[in-house]
Amino acid sequence: MSNITLYHFEGCPACGHAKEWIKELYQEKPELKDAKVELVDVHKTPNFKAPAPFYYVPTFFVDGKKVLEGAVTKEKVEEILRQGLNA
């Protein structure tokens, strides 16, 4: 299983959607609950440093590799969760 990290910040509408879709997908597809996502608020994390540069949030990393930056859909979030399970 892979490490999934979601970089976000409070008040970001797209980040809010991404977090809500994670919750919905855990409810709708119980097999995805094992894909744990670490949430990192880039504004509230002291000495914040990502594994690679990014400019937009939400940004997802799987095992330290950037897999999505910026625009996000529920379908893309599901793909990322599945990717985390299948690694």
PDB file of N, CA and C in Angstrom:
ATOM      1  N   MET A   1       0.847  -1.176   0.000  1.00  0.00           N
ATOM      2  CA  MET A   1       0.000   0.000   0.000  1.00  0.00           C
ATOM      3  C   MET A   1       0.893   1.241   0.000  1.00  0.00           C
ATOM      4  N   SER A   2       0.471   2.252  -0.717  1.00  0.00           N
ATOM      5  CA  SER A   2       1.247   3.471  -0.869  1.00  0.00           C
ATOM      6  C   SER A   2       0.829   4.542   0.122  1.00  0.00           C
ATOM      7  N   ASN A   3       1.716   5.514   0.307  1.00  0.00           N
ATOM      8  CA  ASN A   3       1.404   6.692   1.107  1.00  0.00           C
ATOM      9  C   ASN A   3       0.792   7.739   0.195  1.00  0.00           C
ATOM     10  N   ILE A   4      -0.415   8.177   0.531  1.00  0.00           N
ATOM     11  CA  ILE A   4      -1.098   9.224  -0.236  1.00  0.00           C
ATOM     12  C   ILE A   4      -1.123  10.473   0.632  1.00  0.00           C
ATOM     13  N   THR A   5      -0.707  11.591   0.052  1.00  0.00           N
ATOM     14  CA  THR A   5      -0.721  12.864   0.770  1.00  0.00           C
ATOM     15  C   THR A   5      -1.497  13.875  -0.050  1.00  0.00           C
ATOM     16  N   LEU A   6      -2.392  14.576   0.623  1.00  0.00           N
ATOM     17  CA  LEU A   6      -3.150  15.668   0.000  1.00  0.00           C
ATOM     18  C   LEU A   6      -2.688  16.972   0.620  1.00  0.00           C
ATOM     19  N   TYR A   7      -2.065  17.820  -0.192  1.00  0.00           N
ATOM     20  CA  TYR A   7      -1.675  19.151   0.248  1.00  0.00           C
ATOM     21  C   TYR A   7      -2.830  20.097  -0.076  1.00  0.00           C
ATOM     22  N   HIS A   8      -3.231  20.874   0.908  1.00  0.00           N
ATOM     23  CA  HIS A   8      -4.409  21.727   0.781  1.00  0.00           C
ATOM     24  C   HIS A   8      -4.239  22.926   1.689  1.00  0.00           C
ATOM     25  N   PHE A   9      -5.223  23.816   1.691  1.00  0.00           N
ATOM     26  CA  PHE A   9      -5.302  24.822   2.738  1.00  0.00           C
ATOM     27  C   PHE A   9      -6.755  25.157   3.009  1.00  0.00           C
ATOM     28  N   GLU A  10      -6.993  25.575   4.243  1.00  0.00           N
ATOM     29  CA  GLU A  10      -8.337  25.907   4.696  1.00  0.00           C
ATOM     30  C   GLU A  10      -8.894  27.061   3.875  1.00  0.00           C
ATOM     31  N   GLY A  11     -10.139  26.942   3.462  1.00  0.00           N
ATOM     32  CA  GLY A  11     -10.800  27.991   2.699  1.00  0.00           C
ATOM     33  C   GLY A  11     -10.689  27.819   1.196  1.00  0.00           C
ATOM     34  N   CYS A  12      -9.932  26.851   0.748  1.00  0.00           N
ATOM     35  CA  CYS A  12      -9.792  26.577  -0.688  1.00  0.00           C
ATOM     36  C   CYS A  12     -10.988  25.724  -1.123  1.00  0.00           C
ATOM     37  N   PRO A  13     -11.845  26.250  -2.013  1.00  0.00           N
ATOM     38  CA  PRO A  13     -13.030  25.477  -2.419  1.00  0.00           C
ATOM     39  C   PRO A  13     -12.689  24.137  -3.081  1.00  0.00           C
ATOM     40  N   ALA A  14     -11.708  24.121  -3.961  1.00  0.00           N
ATOM     41  CA  ALA A  14     -11.345  22.866  -4.633  1.00  0.00           C
ATOM     42  C   ALA A  14     -10.804  21.855  -3.631  1.00  0.00           C
ATOM     43  N   CYS A  15     -10.067  22.340  -2.625  1.00  0.00           N
ATOM     44  CA  CYS A  15      -9.550  21.445  -1.579  1.00  0.00           C
ATOM     45  C   CYS A  15     -10.705  20.851  -0.776  1.00  0.00           C
ATOM     46  N   GLY A  16     -11.688  21.686  -0.483  1.00  0.00           N
ATOM     47  CA  GLY A  16     -12.866  21.211   0.241  1.00  0.00           C
ATOM     48  C   GLY A  16     -13.589  20.130  -0.527  1.00  0.00           C
ATOM     49  N   HIS A  17     -13.711  20.304  -1.842  1.00  0.00           N
ATOM     50  CA  HIS A  17     -14.341  19.270  -2.666  1.00  0.00           C
ATOM     51  C   HIS A  17     -13.530  17.981  -2.611  1.00  0.00           C
ATOM     52  N   ALA A  18     -12.223  18.080  -2.734  1.00  0.00           N
ATOM     53  CA  ALA A  18     -11.371  16.885  -2.722  1.00  0.00           C
ATOM     54  C   ALA A  18     -11.541  16.122  -1.414  1.00  0.00           C
ATOM     55  N   LYS A  19     -11.525  16.838  -0.295  1.00  0.00           N
ATOM     56  CA  LYS A  19     -11.679  16.178   1.010  1.00  0.00           C
ATOM     57  C   LYS A  19     -13.067  15.550   1.149  1.00  0.00           C
ATOM     58  N   GLU A  20     -14.087  16.241   0.673  1.00  0.00           N
ATOM     59  CA  GLU A  20     -15.447  15.697   0.744  1.00  0.00           C
ATOM     60  C   GLU A  20     -15.569  14.450  -0.127  1.00  0.00           C
ATOM     61  N   TRP A  21     -14.969  14.475  -1.315  1.00  0.00           N
ATOM     62  CA  TRP A  21     -15.037  13.305  -2.201  1.00  0.00           C
ATOM     63  C   TRP A  21     -14.319  12.107  -1.601  1.00  0.00           C
ATOM     64  N   ILE A  22     -13.245  12.347  -0.868  1.00  0.00           N
ATOM     65  CA  ILE A  22     -12.563  11.231  -0.195  1.00  0.00           C
ATOM     66  C   ILE A  22     -13.539  10.583   0.778  1.00  0.00           C
ATOM     67  N   LYS A  23     -14.216  11.392   1.592  1.00  0.00           N
ATOM     68  CA  LYS A  23     -15.194  10.866   2.554  1.00  0.00           C
ATOM     69  C   LYS A  23     -16.318  10.115   1.847  1.00  0.00           C
ATOM     70  N   GLU A  24     -16.846  10.711   0.779  1.00  0.00           N
ATOM     71  CA  GLU A  24     -17.928  10.061   0.028  1.00  0.00           C
ATOM     72  C   GLU A  24     -17.473   8.727  -0.554  1.00  0.00           C
ATOM     73  N   LEU A  25     -16.293   8.695  -1.116  1.00  0.00           N
ATOM     74  CA  LEU A  25     -15.797   7.460  -1.726  1.00  0.00           C
ATOM     75  C   LEU A  25     -15.573   6.376  -0.676  1.00  0.00           C
ATOM     76  N   TYR A  26     -15.119   6.755   0.508  1.00  0.00           N
ATOM     77  CA  TYR A  26     -14.979   5.773   1.590  1.00  0.00           C
ATOM     78  C   TYR A  26     -16.344   5.167   1.932  1.00  0.00           C
ATOM     79  N   GLN A  27     -17.410   5.992   1.891  1.00  0.00           N
ATOM     80  CA  GLN A  27     -18.754   5.499   2.193  1.00  0.00           C
ATOM     81  C   GLN A  27     -19.316   4.654   1.056  1.00  0.00           C
ATOM     82  N   GLU A  28     -19.153   5.140  -0.173  1.00  0.00           N
ATOM     83  CA  GLU A  28     -19.734   4.478  -1.343  1.00  0.00           C
ATOM     84  C   GLU A  28     -18.999   3.202  -1.747  1.00  0.00           C
ATOM     85  N   LYS A  29     -17.701   3.179  -1.520  1.00  0.00           N
ATOM     86  CA  LYS A  29     -16.864   2.058  -1.966  1.00  0.00           C
ATOM     87  C   LYS A  29     -15.965   1.633  -0.811  1.00  0.00           C
ATOM     88  N   PRO A  30     -16.496   0.800   0.086  1.00  0.00           N
ATOM     89  CA  PRO A  30     -15.770   0.439   1.311  1.00  0.00           C
ATOM     90  C   PRO A  30     -14.373  -0.125   1.070  1.00  0.00           C
ATOM     91  N   GLU A  31     -14.135  -0.691  -0.103  1.00  0.00           N
ATOM     92  CA  GLU A  31     -12.807  -1.243  -0.388  1.00  0.00           C
ATOM     93  C   GLU A  31     -11.734  -0.144  -0.435  1.00  0.00           C
ATOM     94  N   LEU A  32     -12.165   1.098  -0.597  1.00  0.00           N
ATOM     95  CA  LEU A  32     -11.205   2.201  -0.668  1.00  0.00           C
ATOM     96  C   LEU A  32     -10.782   2.716   0.703  1.00  0.00           C
ATOM     97  N   LYS A  33     -11.466   2.275   1.769  1.00  0.00           N
ATOM     98  CA  LYS A  33     -11.153   2.780   3.110  1.00  0.00           C
ATOM     99  C   LYS A  33      -9.728   2.478   3.537  1.00  0.00           C
ATOM    100  N   ASP A  34      -9.120   1.447   2.951  1.00  0.00           N
ATOM    101  CA  ASP A  34      -7.736   1.116   3.299  1.00  0.00           C
ATOM    102  C   ASP A  34      -6.737   2.076   2.668  1.00  0.00           C
ATOM    103  N   ALA A  35      -7.168   2.892   1.736  1.00  0.00           N
ATOM    104  CA  ALA A  35      -6.300   3.891   1.106  1.00  0.00           C
ATOM    105  C   ALA A  35      -6.311   5.135   1.986  1.00  0.00           C
ATOM    106  N   LYS A  36      -5.421   5.176   2.935  1.00  0.00           N
ATOM    107  CA  LYS A  36      -5.371   6.291   3.883  1.00  0.00           C
ATOM    108  C   LYS A  36      -4.710   7.502   3.249  1.00  0.00           C
ATOM    109  N   VAL A  37      -5.292   8.674   3.489  1.00  0.00           N
ATOM    110  CA  VAL A  37      -4.792   9.921   2.925  1.00  0.00           C
ATOM    111  C   VAL A  37      -4.345  10.827   4.069  1.00  0.00           C
ATOM    112  N   GLU A  38      -3.096  11.238   4.029  1.00  0.00           N
ATOM    113  CA  GLU A  38      -2.583  12.206   4.993  1.00  0.00           C
ATOM    114  C   GLU A  38      -2.911  13.605   4.469  1.00  0.00           C
ATOM    115  N   LEU A  39      -3.542  14.412   5.300  1.00  0.00           N
ATOM    116  CA  LEU A  39      -3.899  15.776   4.926  1.00  0.00           C
ATOM    117  C   LEU A  39      -2.861  16.732   5.500  1.00  0.00           C
ATOM    118  N   VAL A  40      -2.280  17.563   4.633  1.00  0.00           N
ATOM    119  CA  VAL A  40      -1.282  18.536   5.072  1.00  0.00           C
ATOM    120  C   VAL A  40      -1.744  19.924   4.640  1.00  0.00           C
ATOM    121  N   ASP A  41      -2.038  20.770   5.633  1.00  0.00           N
ATOM    122  CA  ASP A  41      -2.423  22.148   5.354  1.00  0.00           C
ATOM    123  C   ASP A  41      -1.138  22.953   5.155  1.00  0.00           C
ATOM    124  N   VAL A  42      -0.922  23.435   3.948  1.00  0.00           N
ATOM    125  CA  VAL A  42       0.339  24.102   3.615  1.00  0.00           C
ATOM    126  C   VAL A  42       0.518  25.425   4.364  1.00  0.00           C
ATOM    127  N   HIS A  43      -0.564  26.015   4.855  1.00  0.00           N
ATOM    128  CA  HIS A  43      -0.471  27.272   5.591  1.00  0.00           C
ATOM    129  C   HIS A  43      -0.282  27.057   7.083  1.00  0.00           C
ATOM    130  N   LYS A  44      -0.617  25.883   7.581  1.00  0.00           N
ATOM    131  CA  LYS A  44      -0.556  25.633   9.021  1.00  0.00           C
ATOM    132  C   LYS A  44       0.569  24.684   9.418  1.00  0.00           C
ATOM    133  N   THR A  45       1.347  24.228   8.456  1.00  0.00           N
ATOM    134  CA  THR A  45       2.419  23.290   8.748  1.00  0.00           C
ATOM    135  C   THR A  45       3.734  24.059   8.858  1.00  0.00           C
ATOM    136  N   PRO A  46       4.325  24.088  10.060  1.00  0.00           N
ATOM    137  CA  PRO A  46       5.594  24.804  10.221  1.00  0.00           C
ATOM    138  C   PRO A  46       6.678  24.207   9.325  1.00  0.00           C
ATOM    139  N   ASN A  47       7.488  25.063   8.736  1.00  0.00           N
ATOM    140  CA  ASN A  47       8.598  24.624   7.870  1.00  0.00           C
ATOM    141  C   ASN A  47       8.132  23.697   6.762  1.00  0.00           C
ATOM    142  N   PHE A  48       6.980  24.015   6.187  1.00  0.00           N
ATOM    143  CA  PHE A  48       6.395  23.174   5.140  1.00  0.00           C
ATOM    144  C   PHE A  48       7.369  22.966   3.987  1.00  0.00           C
ATOM    145  N   LYS A  49       7.500  21.709   3.567  1.00  0.00           N
ATOM    146  CA  LYS A  49       8.310  21.369   2.400  1.00  0.00           C
ATOM    147  C   LYS A  49       7.710  20.123   1.763  1.00  0.00           C
ATOM    148  N   ALA A  50       7.301  20.245   0.523  1.00  0.00           N
ATOM    149  CA  ALA A  50       6.733  19.115  -0.218  1.00  0.00           C
ATOM    150  C   ALA A  50       7.872  18.327  -0.869  1.00  0.00           C
ATOM    151  N   PRO A  51       7.599  17.072  -1.256  1.00  0.00           N
ATOM    152  CA  PRO A  51       8.628  16.263  -1.910  1.00  0.00           C
ATOM    153  C   PRO A  51       9.025  16.785  -3.291  1.00  0.00           C
ATOM    154  N   ALA A  52       8.167  17.597  -3.899  1.00  0.00           N
ATOM    155  CA  ALA A  52       8.448  18.204  -5.203  1.00  0.00           C
ATOM    156  C   ALA A  52       7.665  19.513  -5.270  1.00  0.00           C
ATOM    157  N   PRO A  53       8.134  20.460  -6.057  1.00  0.00           N
ATOM    158  CA  PRO A  53       7.423  21.741  -6.134  1.00  0.00           C
ATOM    159  C   PRO A  53       6.020  21.602  -6.716  1.00  0.00           C
ATOM    160  N   PHE A  54       5.129  22.443  -6.229  1.00  0.00           N
ATOM    161  CA  PHE A  54       3.804  22.581  -6.830  1.00  0.00           C
ATOM    162  C   PHE A  54       3.326  23.993  -6.590  1.00  0.00           C
ATOM    163  N   TYR A  55       2.371  24.426  -7.417  1.00  0.00           N
ATOM    164  CA  TYR A  55       1.918  25.811  -7.370  1.00  0.00           C
ATOM    165  C   TYR A  55       0.437  25.953  -7.054  1.00  0.00           C
ATOM    166  N   TYR A  56      -0.324  24.879  -7.212  1.00  0.00           N
ATOM    167  CA  TYR A  56      -1.764  24.931  -7.005  1.00  0.00           C
ATOM    168  C   TYR A  56      -2.184  23.849  -6.024  1.00  0.00           C
ATOM    169  N   VAL A  57      -3.254  24.119  -5.317  1.00  0.00           N
ATOM    170  CA  VAL A  57      -3.865  23.117  -4.455  1.00  0.00           C
ATOM    171  C   VAL A  57      -5.281  22.883  -4.936  1.00  0.00           C
ATOM    172  N   PRO A  58      -5.836  21.729  -4.690  1.00  0.00           N
ATOM    173  CA  PRO A  58      -5.231  20.596  -4.014  1.00  0.00           C
ATOM    174  C   PRO A  58      -4.168  19.927  -4.878  1.00  0.00           C
ATOM    175  N   THR A  59      -3.181  19.342  -4.194  1.00  0.00           N
ATOM    176  CA  THR A  59      -2.160  18.557  -4.869  1.00  0.00           C
ATOM    177  C   THR A  59      -2.030  17.227  -4.140  1.00  0.00           C
ATOM    178  N   PHE A  60      -2.075  16.156  -4.918  1.00  0.00           N
ATOM    179  CA  PHE A  60      -1.932  14.812  -4.376  1.00  0.00           C
ATOM    180  C   PHE A  60      -0.564  14.243  -4.748  1.00  0.00           C
ATOM    181  N   PHE A  61       0.060  13.588  -3.775  1.00  0.00           N
ATOM    182  CA  PHE A  61       1.279  12.825  -3.998  1.00  0.00           C
ATOM    183  C   PHE A  61       1.016  11.387  -3.583  1.00  0.00           C
ATOM    184  N   VAL A  62       1.564  10.454  -4.337  1.00  0.00           N
ATOM    185  CA  VAL A  62       1.528   9.039  -3.965  1.00  0.00           C
ATOM    186  C   VAL A  62       2.981   8.583  -3.886  1.00  0.00           C
ATOM    187  N   ASP A  63       3.382   8.146  -2.701  1.00  0.00           N
ATOM    188  CA  ASP A  63       4.766   7.741  -2.444  1.00  0.00           C
ATOM    189  C   ASP A  63       5.770   8.794  -2.904  1.00  0.00           C
ATOM    190  N   GLY A  64       5.468  10.052  -2.615  1.00  0.00           N
ATOM    191  CA  GLY A  64       6.382  11.135  -2.920  1.00  0.00           C
ATOM    192  C   GLY A  64       6.379  11.621  -4.354  1.00  0.00           C
ATOM    193  N   LYS A  65       5.526  11.035  -5.189  1.00  0.00           N
ATOM    194  CA  LYS A  65       5.440  11.446  -6.600  1.00  0.00           C
ATOM    195  C   LYS A  65       4.136  12.211  -6.813  1.00  0.00           C
ATOM    196  N   LYS A  66       4.243  13.395  -7.403  1.00  0.00           N
ATOM    197  CA  LYS A  66       3.057  14.208  -7.662  1.00  0.00           C
ATOM    198  C   LYS A  66       2.203  13.537  -8.728  1.00  0.00           C
ATOM    199  N   VAL A  67       0.911  13.311  -8.396  1.00  0.00           N
ATOM    200  CA  VAL A  67       0.007  12.655  -9.342  1.00  0.00           C
ATOM    201  C   VAL A  67      -1.147  13.559  -9.771  1.00  0.00           C
ATOM    202  N   LEU A  68      -1.375  14.656  -9.047  1.00  0.00           N
ATOM    203  CA  LEU A  68      -2.440  15.583  -9.434  1.00  0.00           C
ATOM    204  C   LEU A  68      -2.183  16.933  -8.774  1.00  0.00           C
ATOM    205  N   GLU A  69      -2.279  17.980  -9.571  1.00  0.00           N
ATOM    206  CA  GLU A  69      -2.122  19.330  -9.051  1.00  0.00           C
ATOM    207  C   GLU A  69      -3.222  20.215  -9.627  1.00  0.00           C
ATOM    208  N   GLY A  70      -3.952  20.858  -8.732  1.00  0.00           N
ATOM    209  CA  GLY A  70      -4.980  21.798  -9.179  1.00  0.00           C
ATOM    210  C   GLY A  70      -6.324  21.140  -9.402  1.00  0.00           C
ATOM    211  N   ALA A  71      -6.883  21.363 -10.578  1.00  0.00           N
ATOM    212  CA  ALA A  71      -8.246  20.908 -10.891  1.00  0.00           C
ATOM    213  C   ALA A  71      -8.431  19.432 -10.561  1.00  0.00           C
ATOM    214  N   VAL A  72      -9.511  19.144  -9.852  1.00  0.00           N
ATOM    215  CA  VAL A  72      -9.747  17.783  -9.383  1.00  0.00           C
ATOM    216  C   VAL A  72     -11.210  17.412  -9.599  1.00  0.00           C
ATOM    217  N   THR A  73     -11.442  16.133  -9.843  1.00  0.00           N
ATOM    218  CA  THR A  73     -12.799  15.599  -9.951  1.00  0.00           C
ATOM    219  C   THR A  73     -12.922  14.417  -9.005  1.00  0.00           C
ATOM    220  N   LYS A  74     -14.139  14.045  -8.713  1.00  0.00           N
ATOM    221  CA  LYS A  74     -14.363  12.878  -7.852  1.00  0.00           C
ATOM    222  C   LYS A  74     -13.774  11.632  -8.500  1.00  0.00           C
ATOM    223  N   GLU A  75     -13.886  11.526  -9.803  1.00  0.00           N
ATOM    224  CA  GLU A  75     -13.352  10.368 -10.518  1.00  0.00           C
ATOM    225  C   GLU A  75     -11.836  10.306 -10.384  1.00  0.00           C
ATOM    226  N   LYS A  76     -11.181  11.452 -10.450  1.00  0.00           N
ATOM    227  CA  LYS A  76      -9.723  11.489 -10.321  1.00  0.00           C
ATOM    228  C   LYS A  76      -9.303  11.122  -8.903  1.00  0.00           C
ATOM    229  N   VAL A  77     -10.065  11.581  -7.899  1.00  0.00           N
ATOM    230  CA  VAL A  77      -9.777  11.216  -6.514  1.00  0.00           C
ATOM    231  C   VAL A  77      -9.895   9.703  -6.351  1.00  0.00           C
ATOM    232  N   GLU A  78     -10.915   9.111  -6.951  1.00  0.00           N
ATOM    233  CA  GLU A  78     -11.061   7.656  -6.868  1.00  0.00           C
ATOM    234  C   GLU A  78      -9.862   6.954  -7.506  1.00  0.00           C
ATOM    235  N   GLU A  79      -9.405   7.439  -8.646  1.00  0.00           N
ATOM    236  CA  GLU A  79      -8.231   6.853  -9.298  1.00  0.00           C
ATOM    237  C   GLU A  79      -7.011   6.903  -8.378  1.00  0.00           C
ATOM    238  N   ILE A  80      -6.841   8.028  -7.692  1.00  0.00           N
ATOM    239  CA  ILE A  80      -5.699   8.181  -6.793  1.00  0.00           C
ATOM    240  C   ILE A  80      -5.806   7.210  -5.626  1.00  0.00           C
ATOM    241  N   LEU A  81      -6.995   7.075  -5.041  1.00  0.00           N
ATOM    242  CA  LEU A  81      -7.185   6.123  -3.947  1.00  0.00           C
ATOM    243  C   LEU A  81      -6.890   4.702  -4.407  1.00  0.00           C
ATOM    244  N   ARG A  82      -7.349   4.346  -5.582  1.00  0.00           N
ATOM    245  CA  ARG A  82      -7.089   3.004  -6.114  1.00  0.00           C
ATOM    246  C   ARG A  82      -5.605   2.806  -6.396  1.00  0.00           C
ATOM    247  N   GLN A  83      -4.971   3.848  -6.884  1.00  0.00           N
ATOM    248  CA  GLN A  83      -3.545   3.767  -7.143  1.00  0.00           C
ATOM    249  C   GLN A  83      -2.801   3.502  -5.823  1.00  0.00           C
ATOM    250  N   GLY A  84      -3.233   4.152  -4.766  1.00  0.00           N
ATOM    251  CA  GLY A  84      -2.622   3.936  -3.461  1.00  0.00           C
ATOM    252  C   GLY A  84      -2.803   2.532  -2.945  1.00  0.00           C
ATOM    253  N   LEU A  85      -3.922   1.913  -3.261  1.00  0.00           N
ATOM    254  CA  LEU A  85      -4.182   0.536  -2.840  1.00  0.00           C
ATOM    255  C   LEU A  85      -3.378  -0.481  -3.641  1.00  0.00           C
ATOM    256  N   ASN A  86      -3.182  -0.195  -4.917  1.00  0.00           N
ATOM    257  CA  ASN A  86      -2.588  -1.186  -5.818  1.00  0.00           C
ATOM    258  C   ASN A  86      -1.076  -1.122  -5.908  1.00  0.00           C
ATOM    259  N   ALA A  87      -0.467  -0.247  -5.177  1.00  0.00           N
ATOM    260  CA  ALA A  87       1.001  -0.121  -5.294  1.00  0.00           C
ATOM    261  C   ALA A  87       1.718  -1.170  -4.478  1.00  0.00           C
TER     262      ALA A  87
END
